[in-house]
């Protein structure tokens, strides 16, 4: 029941900032108190969610340790989870190492890519590498160029991991950071919007 929850009990479960928000929401809530059956079901569901969160952490920890052994350069550039996803999508580390950067850039966006081939419109600028903070944390007009730079360095990292197994992660990361800084400096402002006539000319040029 709502009366069983106060600042002390909620603070045991949540961070201070979240606890205060929950308490504030409780004070504004007009809903009725839960009966024992409803509360029991909700507690059971919450328990399952916590178990899934624990399992997710275990899997992420396993992936991190495995990637550090099998693909340390890729893990350092893309992150262990995204790196593992790229290996899976490519069909293995060898396939990823042999893939061109342009393919790596759109891995995971195959449906959008096939639609572009069919219609000539809406070419995807990135696939799952959008999950990388360098890409999704950048303004929209920079994402395509940053995704291209990231895909290039991922390609290099995968090649090093598969063919030479040297640790060149610091070198590759530094080169990536320099390229991203260059993009952000050169394209700091959004491009001017195209007129309908300019858009029509651009579409015609693609045909």
N, C-alpha and C. Protein backbone atom coordinates (compact mmCIF):
# COMPACT_ATOMS: atom_id res chain seq x y z
N UNK A 1 0.83 -1.18 0.00
CA UNK A 1 0.00 0.00 0.00
C UNK A 1 0.88 1.25 0.00
N UNK A 2 0.29 2.35 -0.46
CA UNK A 2 1.06 3.58 -0.56
C UNK A 2 1.57 4.06 0.79
N UNK A 3 0.83 3.79 1.84
CA UNK A 3 1.22 4.26 3.17
C UNK A 3 2.50 3.58 3.67
N UNK A 4 2.85 2.45 3.04
CA UNK A 4 4.06 1.73 3.46
C UNK A 4 5.34 2.33 2.88
N UNK A 5 5.17 3.30 1.98
CA UNK A 5 6.34 3.87 1.32
C UNK A 5 6.56 5.30 1.79
N UNK A 6 7.78 5.57 2.20
CA UNK A 6 8.16 6.92 2.62
C UNK A 6 9.57 7.18 2.13
N UNK A 7 10.09 8.32 2.51
CA UNK A 7 11.42 8.70 2.03
C UNK A 7 12.49 7.68 2.41
N UNK A 8 12.39 7.14 3.61
CA UNK A 8 13.40 6.18 4.08
C UNK A 8 13.38 4.88 3.28
N UNK A 9 12.17 4.34 3.06
CA UNK A 9 12.07 3.05 2.35
C UNK A 9 12.45 3.19 0.88
N UNK A 10 12.04 4.30 0.25
CA UNK A 10 12.35 4.49 -1.16
C UNK A 10 13.83 4.77 -1.36
N UNK A 11 14.44 5.49 -0.42
CA UNK A 11 15.87 5.81 -0.53
C UNK A 11 16.75 4.57 -0.44
N UNK A 12 16.22 3.52 0.17
CA UNK A 12 16.97 2.26 0.24
C UNK A 12 17.07 1.58 -1.12
N UNK A 13 16.11 1.91 -2.00
CA UNK A 13 16.04 1.25 -3.30
C UNK A 13 16.58 2.09 -4.44
N UNK A 14 16.47 3.42 -4.32
CA UNK A 14 16.81 4.30 -5.43
C UNK A 14 17.83 5.35 -5.03
N UNK A 15 18.47 5.93 -6.05
CA UNK A 15 19.35 7.07 -5.80
C UNK A 15 18.54 8.23 -5.23
N UNK A 16 19.22 9.15 -4.58
CA UNK A 16 18.53 10.25 -3.90
C UNK A 16 17.68 11.08 -4.85
N UNK A 17 18.23 11.38 -6.04
CA UNK A 17 17.49 12.20 -7.00
C UNK A 17 16.24 11.48 -7.51
N UNK A 18 16.37 10.14 -7.76
CA UNK A 18 15.21 9.38 -8.22
C UNK A 18 14.19 9.20 -7.10
N UNK A 19 14.67 8.99 -5.88
CA UNK A 19 13.76 8.81 -4.74
C UNK A 19 12.88 10.04 -4.54
N UNK A 20 13.47 11.22 -4.68
CA UNK A 20 12.69 12.45 -4.49
C UNK A 20 11.64 12.60 -5.58
N UNK A 21 11.97 12.18 -6.81
CA UNK A 21 11.01 12.26 -7.91
C UNK A 21 9.85 11.28 -7.69
N UNK A 22 10.17 10.09 -7.19
CA UNK A 22 9.12 9.09 -6.93
C UNK A 22 8.19 9.59 -5.83
N UNK A 23 8.77 10.15 -4.78
CA UNK A 23 7.96 10.68 -3.68
C UNK A 23 7.06 11.82 -4.15
N UNK A 24 7.61 12.66 -5.02
CA UNK A 24 6.81 13.77 -5.55
C UNK A 24 5.66 13.25 -6.39
N UNK A 25 5.93 12.22 -7.21
CA UNK A 25 4.88 11.62 -8.03
C UNK A 25 3.81 10.97 -7.16
N UNK A 26 4.24 10.33 -6.07
CA UNK A 26 3.28 9.70 -5.14
C UNK A 26 2.36 10.74 -4.51
N UNK A 27 2.91 11.90 -4.19
CA UNK A 27 2.11 12.94 -3.55
C UNK A 27 1.06 13.51 -4.49
N UNK A 28 1.34 13.45 -5.80
CA UNK A 28 0.39 14.00 -6.78
C UNK A 28 -0.58 12.94 -7.29
N UNK A 29 -0.26 11.67 -7.05
CA UNK A 29 -1.06 10.59 -7.61
C UNK A 29 -2.46 10.55 -7.01
N UNK A 30 -3.45 10.31 -7.88
CA UNK A 30 -4.84 10.20 -7.45
C UNK A 30 -5.31 8.74 -7.47
N UNK A 31 -4.39 7.83 -7.80
CA UNK A 31 -4.76 6.42 -7.91
C UNK A 31 -5.12 5.80 -6.57
N UNK A 32 -5.83 4.68 -6.65
CA UNK A 32 -6.24 3.97 -5.43
C UNK A 32 -5.09 3.11 -4.93
N UNK A 33 -5.15 2.72 -3.66
CA UNK A 33 -4.15 1.82 -3.10
C UNK A 33 -4.26 0.44 -3.75
N UNK A 34 -3.13 -0.24 -3.84
CA UNK A 34 -3.10 -1.59 -4.39
C UNK A 34 -3.59 -2.59 -3.35
N UNK A 35 -4.33 -3.59 -3.82
CA UNK A 35 -4.66 -4.67 -2.89
C UNK A 35 -3.50 -5.66 -2.86
N UNK A 36 -3.56 -6.62 -1.96
CA UNK A 36 -2.44 -7.53 -1.75
C UNK A 36 -2.11 -8.36 -2.99
N UNK A 37 -3.15 -8.77 -3.72
CA UNK A 37 -2.93 -9.59 -4.92
C UNK A 37 -2.19 -8.79 -5.99
N UNK A 38 -2.66 -7.55 -6.24
CA UNK A 38 -2.01 -6.70 -7.24
C UNK A 38 -0.57 -6.40 -6.85
N UNK A 39 -0.37 -6.07 -5.59
CA UNK A 39 0.98 -5.75 -5.12
C UNK A 39 1.91 -6.95 -5.26
N UNK A 40 1.38 -8.14 -4.99
CA UNK A 40 2.18 -9.35 -5.11
C UNK A 40 2.63 -9.58 -6.55
N UNK A 41 1.71 -9.35 -7.51
CA UNK A 41 2.05 -9.53 -8.93
C UNK A 41 3.09 -8.52 -9.37
N UNK A 42 2.93 -7.28 -8.92
CA UNK A 42 3.88 -6.23 -9.29
C UNK A 42 5.26 -6.52 -8.71
N UNK A 43 5.28 -6.98 -7.47
CA UNK A 43 6.57 -7.34 -6.85
C UNK A 43 7.26 -8.48 -7.62
N UNK A 44 6.45 -9.45 -8.05
CA UNK A 44 7.00 -10.58 -8.79
C UNK A 44 7.58 -10.11 -10.12
N UNK A 45 6.85 -9.22 -10.80
CA UNK A 45 7.33 -8.68 -12.07
C UNK A 45 8.61 -7.88 -11.87
N UNK A 46 8.63 -7.06 -10.81
CA UNK A 46 9.82 -6.27 -10.50
C UNK A 46 11.02 -7.17 -10.22
N UNK A 47 10.76 -8.30 -9.56
CA UNK A 47 11.83 -9.25 -9.28
C UNK A 47 12.42 -9.83 -10.56
N UNK A 48 11.53 -10.15 -11.53
CA UNK A 48 12.00 -10.67 -12.81
C UNK A 48 12.84 -9.62 -13.55
N UNK A 49 12.40 -8.37 -13.47
CA UNK A 49 13.15 -7.29 -14.14
C UNK A 49 14.55 -7.16 -13.54
N UNK A 50 14.64 -7.24 -12.21
CA UNK A 50 15.94 -7.15 -11.55
C UNK A 50 16.83 -8.33 -11.94
N UNK A 51 16.22 -9.52 -12.08
CA UNK A 51 16.99 -10.69 -12.50
C UNK A 51 17.53 -10.50 -13.92
N UNK A 52 16.70 -9.93 -14.80
CA UNK A 52 17.14 -9.68 -16.17
C UNK A 52 18.27 -8.65 -16.21
N UNK A 53 18.17 -7.64 -15.34
CA UNK A 53 19.23 -6.63 -15.27
C UNK A 53 20.54 -7.25 -14.81
N UNK A 54 20.45 -8.14 -13.83
CA UNK A 54 21.66 -8.83 -13.34
C UNK A 54 22.25 -9.71 -14.44
N UNK A 55 21.36 -10.40 -15.18
CA UNK A 55 21.82 -11.27 -16.26
C UNK A 55 22.49 -10.45 -17.36
N UNK A 56 21.91 -9.30 -17.64
CA UNK A 56 22.49 -8.42 -18.66
C UNK A 56 23.90 -7.99 -18.27
N UNK A 57 24.08 -7.65 -17.01
CA UNK A 57 25.41 -7.25 -16.53
C UNK A 57 26.40 -8.41 -16.64
N UNK A 58 25.94 -9.62 -16.34
CA UNK A 58 26.81 -10.80 -16.46
C UNK A 58 27.24 -11.02 -17.90
N UNK A 59 26.28 -10.90 -18.82
CA UNK A 59 26.58 -11.11 -20.24
C UNK A 59 27.53 -10.02 -20.74
N UNK A 60 27.27 -8.77 -20.36
CA UNK A 60 28.14 -7.67 -20.78
C UNK A 60 29.55 -7.86 -20.25
N UNK A 61 29.67 -8.33 -19.01
CA UNK A 61 30.98 -8.58 -18.42
C UNK A 61 31.71 -9.69 -19.18
N UNK A 62 30.96 -10.73 -19.56
CA UNK A 62 31.56 -11.84 -20.32
C UNK A 62 32.02 -11.36 -21.69
N UNK A 63 31.17 -10.57 -22.37
CA UNK A 63 31.53 -10.05 -23.69
C UNK A 63 32.77 -9.16 -23.60
N UNK A 64 32.83 -8.34 -22.56
CA UNK A 64 33.98 -7.45 -22.38
C UNK A 64 35.27 -8.24 -22.23
N UNK A 65 35.24 -9.28 -21.41
CA UNK A 65 36.45 -10.09 -21.19
C UNK A 65 36.83 -10.87 -22.45
N UNK A 66 35.83 -11.38 -23.17
CA UNK A 66 36.09 -12.14 -24.39
C UNK A 66 36.65 -11.25 -25.49
N UNK A 67 36.07 -10.06 -25.64
CA UNK A 67 36.55 -9.13 -26.67
C UNK A 67 37.96 -8.64 -26.37
N UNK A 68 38.29 -8.49 -25.10
CA UNK A 68 39.64 -8.06 -24.72
C UNK A 68 40.69 -9.07 -25.16
N UNK A 69 40.28 -10.34 -25.26
CA UNK A 69 41.20 -11.40 -25.68
C UNK A 69 41.20 -11.56 -27.20
N UNK A 70 40.00 -11.63 -27.80
CA UNK A 70 39.88 -11.97 -29.21
C UNK A 70 39.98 -10.77 -30.15
N UNK A 71 39.53 -9.60 -29.71
CA UNK A 71 39.53 -8.42 -30.59
C UNK A 71 39.77 -7.15 -29.77
N UNK A 72 40.95 -7.03 -29.17
CA UNK A 72 41.22 -5.89 -28.28
C UNK A 72 41.20 -4.53 -28.97
N UNK A 73 41.69 -4.46 -30.20
CA UNK A 73 41.69 -3.18 -30.91
C UNK A 73 40.27 -2.75 -31.27
N UNK A 74 39.50 -3.70 -31.77
CA UNK A 74 38.10 -3.41 -32.10
C UNK A 74 37.33 -3.01 -30.86
N UNK A 75 37.57 -3.71 -29.76
CA UNK A 75 36.89 -3.40 -28.50
C UNK A 75 37.22 -2.00 -28.03
N UNK A 76 38.48 -1.58 -28.21
CA UNK A 76 38.90 -0.25 -27.76
C UNK A 76 38.28 0.85 -28.61
N UNK A 77 38.06 0.59 -29.89
CA UNK A 77 37.53 1.62 -30.79
C UNK A 77 36.00 1.65 -30.78
N UNK A 78 35.37 0.49 -30.90
CA UNK A 78 33.91 0.44 -30.99
C UNK A 78 33.24 0.21 -29.65
N UNK A 79 34.00 -0.29 -28.67
CA UNK A 79 33.39 -0.72 -27.41
C UNK A 79 33.12 -2.21 -27.51
N UNK A 80 33.20 -2.95 -26.41
CA UNK A 80 33.05 -4.41 -26.47
C UNK A 80 31.69 -4.88 -26.98
N UNK A 81 30.61 -4.23 -26.54
CA UNK A 81 29.27 -4.68 -26.95
C UNK A 81 29.02 -4.41 -28.42
N UNK A 82 29.30 -3.18 -28.86
CA UNK A 82 29.10 -2.84 -30.27
C UNK A 82 30.06 -3.62 -31.15
N UNK A 83 31.29 -3.81 -30.70
CA UNK A 83 32.25 -4.59 -31.47
C UNK A 83 31.78 -6.01 -31.68
N UNK A 84 31.25 -6.63 -30.62
CA UNK A 84 30.72 -7.99 -30.72
C UNK A 84 29.52 -8.04 -31.67
N UNK A 85 28.69 -7.02 -31.63
CA UNK A 85 27.52 -6.96 -32.52
C UNK A 85 27.97 -6.86 -33.99
N UNK A 86 28.99 -6.08 -34.25
CA UNK A 86 29.50 -5.94 -35.62
C UNK A 86 30.09 -7.27 -36.11
N UNK A 87 30.81 -7.96 -35.24
CA UNK A 87 31.36 -9.27 -35.61
C UNK A 87 30.22 -10.23 -35.95
N UNK A 88 29.16 -10.21 -35.16
CA UNK A 88 28.01 -11.08 -35.39
C UNK A 88 27.33 -10.76 -36.71
N UNK A 89 27.12 -9.48 -36.98
CA UNK A 89 26.44 -9.06 -38.21
C UNK A 89 27.27 -9.37 -39.45
N UNK A 90 28.59 -9.24 -39.31
CA UNK A 90 29.47 -9.49 -40.45
C UNK A 90 29.63 -10.97 -40.73
N UNK A 91 29.42 -11.80 -39.71
CA UNK A 91 29.58 -13.24 -39.87
C UNK A 91 30.90 -13.75 -39.35
N UNK A 92 31.53 -12.98 -38.46
CA UNK A 92 32.80 -13.41 -37.87
C UNK A 92 33.84 -12.32 -37.97
N UNK A 93 34.90 -12.44 -37.18
CA UNK A 93 35.96 -11.43 -37.18
C UNK A 93 36.67 -11.37 -38.52
N UNK A 94 36.89 -12.53 -39.15
CA UNK A 94 37.55 -12.53 -40.46
C UNK A 94 36.72 -11.76 -41.49
N UNK A 95 35.41 -12.02 -41.51
CA UNK A 95 34.53 -11.33 -42.45
C UNK A 95 34.52 -9.83 -42.20
N UNK A 96 34.53 -9.45 -40.93
CA UNK A 96 34.56 -8.02 -40.60
C UNK A 96 35.88 -7.40 -41.02
N UNK A 97 36.97 -8.13 -40.82
CA UNK A 97 38.29 -7.62 -41.19
C UNK A 97 38.42 -7.44 -42.70
N UNK A 98 37.75 -8.27 -43.46
CA UNK A 98 37.84 -8.21 -44.92
C UNK A 98 36.80 -7.27 -45.53
N UNK A 99 35.85 -6.83 -44.74
CA UNK A 99 34.79 -5.95 -45.25
C UNK A 99 35.31 -4.53 -45.43
N UNK A 100 34.89 -3.84 -46.50
CA UNK A 100 35.28 -2.44 -46.66
C UNK A 100 34.57 -1.56 -45.63
N UNK A 101 35.14 -0.41 -45.36
CA UNK A 101 34.56 0.49 -44.37
C UNK A 101 33.14 0.90 -44.74
N UNK A 102 32.88 1.03 -46.05
CA UNK A 102 31.53 1.42 -46.49
C UNK A 102 30.49 0.39 -46.11
N UNK A 103 30.87 -0.88 -46.09
CA UNK A 103 29.95 -1.95 -45.67
C UNK A 103 29.77 -1.93 -44.17
N UNK A 104 30.87 -1.76 -43.44
CA UNK A 104 30.80 -1.71 -41.98
C UNK A 104 29.92 -0.56 -41.52
N UNK A 105 29.98 0.55 -42.24
CA UNK A 105 29.21 1.74 -41.86
C UNK A 105 27.71 1.47 -41.83
N UNK A 106 27.22 0.60 -42.70
CA UNK A 106 25.77 0.37 -42.79
C UNK A 106 25.36 -1.02 -42.31
N UNK A 107 26.25 -1.75 -41.66
CA UNK A 107 25.87 -3.05 -41.10
C UNK A 107 24.70 -2.88 -40.12
N UNK A 108 23.67 -3.66 -40.31
CA UNK A 108 22.48 -3.55 -39.47
C UNK A 108 21.40 -2.68 -40.09
N UNK A 109 21.71 -2.05 -41.23
CA UNK A 109 20.72 -1.19 -41.89
C UNK A 109 20.40 -1.75 -43.28
N UNK A 110 20.41 -3.07 -43.39
CA UNK A 110 20.24 -3.71 -44.69
C UNK A 110 18.90 -3.38 -45.34
N UNK A 111 17.83 -3.35 -44.55
CA UNK A 111 16.51 -3.05 -45.12
C UNK A 111 16.49 -1.66 -45.73
N UNK A 112 17.04 -0.69 -45.01
CA UNK A 112 17.09 0.68 -45.52
C UNK A 112 17.97 0.77 -46.76
N UNK A 113 19.05 -0.02 -46.79
CA UNK A 113 19.95 -0.02 -47.93
C UNK A 113 19.27 -0.60 -49.17
N UNK A 114 18.56 -1.72 -49.00
CA UNK A 114 17.84 -2.32 -50.13
C UNK A 114 16.74 -1.38 -50.64
N UNK A 115 16.10 -0.68 -49.71
CA UNK A 115 15.06 0.28 -50.11
C UNK A 115 15.68 1.41 -50.93
N UNK A 116 16.89 1.83 -50.54
CA UNK A 116 17.58 2.88 -51.30
C UNK A 116 17.93 2.39 -52.70
N UNK A 117 18.40 1.14 -52.81
CA UNK A 117 18.73 0.59 -54.13
C UNK A 117 17.49 0.52 -55.02
N UNK A 118 16.35 0.27 -54.40
CA UNK A 118 15.11 0.13 -55.16
C UNK A 118 14.51 1.47 -55.57
N UNK A 119 14.55 2.44 -54.67
CA UNK A 119 13.88 3.72 -54.92
C UNK A 119 14.84 4.86 -55.25
N UNK A 120 16.10 4.71 -54.85
CA UNK A 120 17.06 5.80 -55.08
C UNK A 120 16.95 6.91 -54.07
N UNK A 121 16.20 6.69 -53.02
CA UNK A 121 16.00 7.74 -52.01
C UNK A 121 16.35 7.22 -50.61
N UNK A 122 16.82 8.14 -49.79
CA UNK A 122 17.06 7.83 -48.38
C UNK A 122 18.17 6.85 -48.13
N UNK A 123 19.35 7.12 -48.70
CA UNK A 123 20.49 6.23 -48.46
C UNK A 123 20.85 6.25 -46.97
N UNK A 124 20.97 5.07 -46.34
CA UNK A 124 21.33 5.05 -44.91
C UNK A 124 22.76 5.54 -44.71
N UNK A 125 22.97 6.35 -43.68
CA UNK A 125 24.30 6.88 -43.39
C UNK A 125 25.01 6.06 -42.32
N UNK A 126 24.25 5.23 -41.62
CA UNK A 126 24.85 4.40 -40.58
C UNK A 126 23.90 3.27 -40.20
N UNK A 127 24.51 2.17 -39.75
CA UNK A 127 23.74 1.05 -39.23
C UNK A 127 23.84 1.03 -37.72
N UNK A 128 24.28 -0.10 -37.17
CA UNK A 128 24.34 -0.21 -35.71
C UNK A 128 25.44 0.66 -35.10
N UNK A 129 26.37 1.16 -35.92
CA UNK A 129 27.40 2.03 -35.33
C UNK A 129 26.80 3.35 -34.86
N UNK A 130 25.52 3.56 -35.18
CA UNK A 130 24.83 4.73 -34.61
C UNK A 130 24.83 4.67 -33.08
N UNK A 131 24.93 3.45 -32.53
CA UNK A 131 24.92 3.28 -31.08
C UNK A 131 26.18 3.85 -30.43
N UNK A 132 27.23 4.04 -31.21
CA UNK A 132 28.47 4.59 -30.65
C UNK A 132 28.24 6.04 -30.23
N UNK A 133 28.69 6.44 -29.05
CA UNK A 133 28.45 7.82 -28.58
C UNK A 133 29.01 8.89 -29.51
N UNK A 134 30.08 8.59 -30.24
CA UNK A 134 30.62 9.56 -31.20
C UNK A 134 29.60 9.89 -32.29
N UNK A 135 28.75 8.90 -32.63
CA UNK A 135 27.77 9.12 -33.70
C UNK A 135 26.48 9.69 -33.14
N UNK A 136 25.83 8.96 -32.23
CA UNK A 136 24.51 9.42 -31.76
C UNK A 136 24.61 10.67 -30.89
N UNK A 137 25.81 10.96 -30.38
CA UNK A 137 25.98 12.15 -29.56
C UNK A 137 26.33 13.39 -30.35
N UNK A 138 26.39 13.27 -31.67
CA UNK A 138 26.76 14.40 -32.53
C UNK A 138 25.52 14.97 -33.22
N UNK A 139 25.58 16.22 -33.66
CA UNK A 139 24.47 16.81 -34.41
C UNK A 139 24.18 16.01 -35.68
N UNK A 140 22.95 16.05 -36.14
CA UNK A 140 22.53 15.23 -37.27
C UNK A 140 23.38 15.45 -38.51
N UNK A 141 23.75 16.71 -38.78
CA UNK A 141 24.47 17.00 -40.01
C UNK A 141 25.93 16.51 -39.97
N UNK A 142 26.40 16.12 -38.80
CA UNK A 142 27.77 15.61 -38.69
C UNK A 142 27.82 14.08 -38.64
N UNK A 143 26.69 13.46 -38.39
CA UNK A 143 26.69 12.02 -38.11
C UNK A 143 27.19 11.17 -39.27
N UNK A 144 26.83 11.53 -40.49
CA UNK A 144 27.26 10.75 -41.64
C UNK A 144 28.78 10.71 -41.77
N UNK A 145 29.40 11.87 -41.64
CA UNK A 145 30.86 11.95 -41.76
C UNK A 145 31.55 11.27 -40.58
N UNK A 146 31.00 11.43 -39.38
CA UNK A 146 31.59 10.78 -38.21
C UNK A 146 31.41 9.27 -38.30
N UNK A 147 30.26 8.82 -38.78
CA UNK A 147 30.04 7.38 -38.96
C UNK A 147 31.03 6.81 -39.97
N UNK A 148 31.32 7.58 -41.02
CA UNK A 148 32.29 7.13 -42.02
C UNK A 148 33.69 7.02 -41.41
N UNK A 149 34.05 8.02 -40.61
CA UNK A 149 35.37 7.99 -39.96
C UNK A 149 35.46 6.83 -38.98
N UNK A 150 34.40 6.61 -38.22
CA UNK A 150 34.38 5.52 -37.25
C UNK A 150 34.47 4.17 -37.95
N UNK A 151 33.71 4.01 -39.04
CA UNK A 151 33.73 2.75 -39.79
C UNK A 151 35.13 2.47 -40.34
N UNK A 152 35.81 3.51 -40.78
CA UNK A 152 37.17 3.35 -41.31
C UNK A 152 38.11 2.83 -40.23
N UNK A 153 38.02 3.41 -39.04
CA UNK A 153 38.91 2.98 -37.95
C UNK A 153 38.51 1.61 -37.41
N UNK A 154 37.22 1.30 -37.43
CA UNK A 154 36.77 -0.04 -37.03
C UNK A 154 37.34 -1.08 -38.00
N UNK A 155 37.33 -0.74 -39.29
CA UNK A 155 37.88 -1.64 -40.30
C UNK A 155 39.37 -1.90 -40.04
N UNK A 156 40.10 -0.84 -39.74
CA UNK A 156 41.54 -0.99 -39.44
C UNK A 156 41.74 -1.84 -38.19
N UNK A 157 40.96 -1.55 -37.15
CA UNK A 157 41.09 -2.29 -35.89
C UNK A 157 40.80 -3.77 -36.08
N UNK A 158 39.76 -4.08 -36.86
CA UNK A 158 39.42 -5.49 -37.11
C UNK A 158 40.52 -6.20 -37.89
N UNK A 159 41.10 -5.49 -38.85
CA UNK A 159 42.21 -6.07 -39.63
C UNK A 159 43.41 -6.37 -38.74
N UNK A 160 43.74 -5.43 -37.86
CA UNK A 160 44.87 -5.64 -36.95
C UNK A 160 44.59 -6.83 -36.03
N UNK A 161 43.37 -6.91 -35.51
CA UNK A 161 43.02 -8.01 -34.60
C UNK A 161 43.10 -9.37 -35.30
N UNK A 162 42.66 -9.42 -36.55
CA UNK A 162 42.61 -10.71 -37.23
C UNK A 162 43.95 -11.11 -37.84
N UNK A 163 44.64 -10.16 -38.48
CA UNK A 163 45.84 -10.51 -39.24
C UNK A 163 47.14 -10.42 -38.45
N UNK A 164 47.27 -9.44 -37.56
CA UNK A 164 48.55 -9.27 -36.87
C UNK A 164 48.49 -9.45 -35.36
N UNK A 165 47.30 -9.18 -34.79
CA UNK A 165 47.07 -9.31 -33.35
C UNK A 165 48.01 -8.42 -32.53
N UNK A 166 48.41 -7.28 -33.10
CA UNK A 166 49.19 -6.30 -32.36
C UNK A 166 48.23 -5.38 -31.60
N UNK A 167 48.75 -4.71 -30.60
CA UNK A 167 47.95 -3.72 -29.88
C UNK A 167 48.26 -2.34 -30.45
N UNK A 168 47.38 -1.87 -31.33
CA UNK A 168 47.52 -0.54 -31.92
C UNK A 168 46.34 0.34 -31.55
N UNK A 169 45.67 -0.02 -30.47
CA UNK A 169 44.43 0.68 -30.09
C UNK A 169 44.66 2.16 -29.81
N UNK A 170 45.74 2.51 -29.12
CA UNK A 170 46.01 3.92 -28.80
C UNK A 170 46.23 4.73 -30.07
N UNK A 171 46.98 4.17 -31.00
CA UNK A 171 47.26 4.84 -32.27
C UNK A 171 45.99 5.05 -33.07
N UNK A 172 45.16 4.01 -33.17
CA UNK A 172 43.92 4.10 -33.95
C UNK A 172 42.95 5.05 -33.28
N UNK A 173 42.84 4.99 -31.96
CA UNK A 173 41.93 5.87 -31.24
C UNK A 173 42.33 7.34 -31.43
N UNK A 174 43.64 7.62 -31.34
CA UNK A 174 44.12 8.99 -31.50
C UNK A 174 43.79 9.52 -32.89
N UNK A 175 43.99 8.68 -33.90
CA UNK A 175 43.68 9.07 -35.27
C UNK A 175 42.19 9.34 -35.44
N UNK A 176 41.36 8.51 -34.81
CA UNK A 176 39.90 8.70 -34.88
C UNK A 176 39.50 10.00 -34.21
N UNK A 177 40.03 10.26 -33.04
CA UNK A 177 39.68 11.48 -32.30
C UNK A 177 40.10 12.73 -33.08
N UNK A 178 41.24 12.67 -33.75
CA UNK A 178 41.69 13.80 -34.56
C UNK A 178 40.75 14.04 -35.73
N UNK A 179 40.31 12.97 -36.38
CA UNK A 179 39.40 13.10 -37.51
C UNK A 179 38.05 13.65 -37.07
N UNK A 180 37.55 13.19 -35.93
CA UNK A 180 36.26 13.67 -35.43
C UNK A 180 36.36 15.14 -35.05
N UNK A 181 37.46 15.54 -34.44
CA UNK A 181 37.66 16.95 -34.10
C UNK A 181 37.68 17.80 -35.36
N UNK A 182 38.26 17.26 -36.42
CA UNK A 182 38.32 17.97 -37.70
C UNK A 182 36.91 18.15 -38.28
N UNK A 183 36.10 17.09 -38.22
CA UNK A 183 34.73 17.16 -38.72
C UNK A 183 33.92 18.18 -37.93
N UNK A 184 34.03 18.13 -36.61
CA UNK A 184 33.25 19.03 -35.76
C UNK A 184 33.66 20.49 -35.97
N UNK A 185 34.93 20.72 -36.28
CA UNK A 185 35.41 22.08 -36.52
C UNK A 185 34.96 22.57 -37.90
N UNK A 186 35.09 21.72 -38.90
CA UNK A 186 34.78 22.11 -40.27
C UNK A 186 33.28 22.24 -40.51
N UNK A 187 32.50 21.41 -39.83
CA UNK A 187 31.04 21.42 -40.03
C UNK A 187 30.34 21.78 -38.72
N UNK A 188 30.81 22.85 -38.09
CA UNK A 188 30.25 23.26 -36.80
C UNK A 188 28.80 23.73 -36.93
N UNK A 189 28.47 24.34 -38.06
CA UNK A 189 27.11 24.86 -38.28
C UNK A 189 26.36 23.97 -39.25
N UNK A 190 25.03 23.88 -39.10
CA UNK A 190 24.24 23.06 -40.03
C UNK A 190 24.26 23.66 -41.42
N UNK A 191 24.20 22.83 -42.46
CA UNK A 191 24.19 23.34 -43.83
C UNK A 191 22.90 24.09 -44.13
N UNK A 192 22.99 24.99 -45.11
CA UNK A 192 21.80 25.74 -45.51
C UNK A 192 20.79 24.80 -46.15
N UNK A 193 19.52 25.03 -45.90
CA UNK A 193 18.48 24.18 -46.46
C UNK A 193 18.40 24.36 -47.97
N UNK A 194 18.21 23.23 -48.67
CA UNK A 194 18.12 23.28 -50.12
C UNK A 194 16.72 23.71 -50.55
N UNK A 195 16.66 24.43 -51.66
CA UNK A 195 15.38 24.80 -52.23
C UNK A 195 14.81 23.59 -52.96
N UNK A 196 13.49 23.57 -53.22
CA UNK A 196 12.90 22.45 -53.97
C UNK A 196 13.58 22.22 -55.32
N UNK A 197 14.01 23.31 -55.96
CA UNK A 197 14.68 23.19 -57.26
C UNK A 197 16.03 22.48 -57.11
N UNK A 198 16.77 22.84 -56.06
CA UNK A 198 18.07 22.20 -55.81
C UNK A 198 17.89 20.72 -55.50
N UNK A 199 16.84 20.40 -54.73
CA UNK A 199 16.57 19.00 -54.40
C UNK A 199 16.25 18.20 -55.66
N UNK A 200 15.46 18.81 -56.58
CA UNK A 200 15.09 18.13 -57.82
C UNK A 200 16.32 17.86 -58.68
N UNK A 201 17.23 18.84 -58.74
CA UNK A 201 18.46 18.67 -59.52
C UNK A 201 19.32 17.56 -58.93
N UNK A 202 19.37 17.51 -57.61
CA UNK A 202 20.18 16.49 -56.95
C UNK A 202 19.63 15.10 -57.21
N UNK A 203 18.29 14.96 -57.17
CA UNK A 203 17.67 13.66 -57.45
C UNK A 203 17.92 13.25 -58.90
N UNK A 204 17.84 14.23 -59.81
CA UNK A 204 18.05 13.93 -61.23
C UNK A 204 19.48 13.49 -61.49
N UNK A 205 20.42 14.06 -60.76
CA UNK A 205 21.83 13.71 -60.94
C UNK A 205 22.13 12.28 -60.51
N UNK A 206 21.31 11.76 -59.60
CA UNK A 206 21.53 10.40 -59.09
C UNK A 206 21.06 9.34 -60.08
N UNK A 207 20.17 9.74 -60.99
CA UNK A 207 19.58 8.76 -61.91
C UNK A 207 20.56 8.40 -63.03
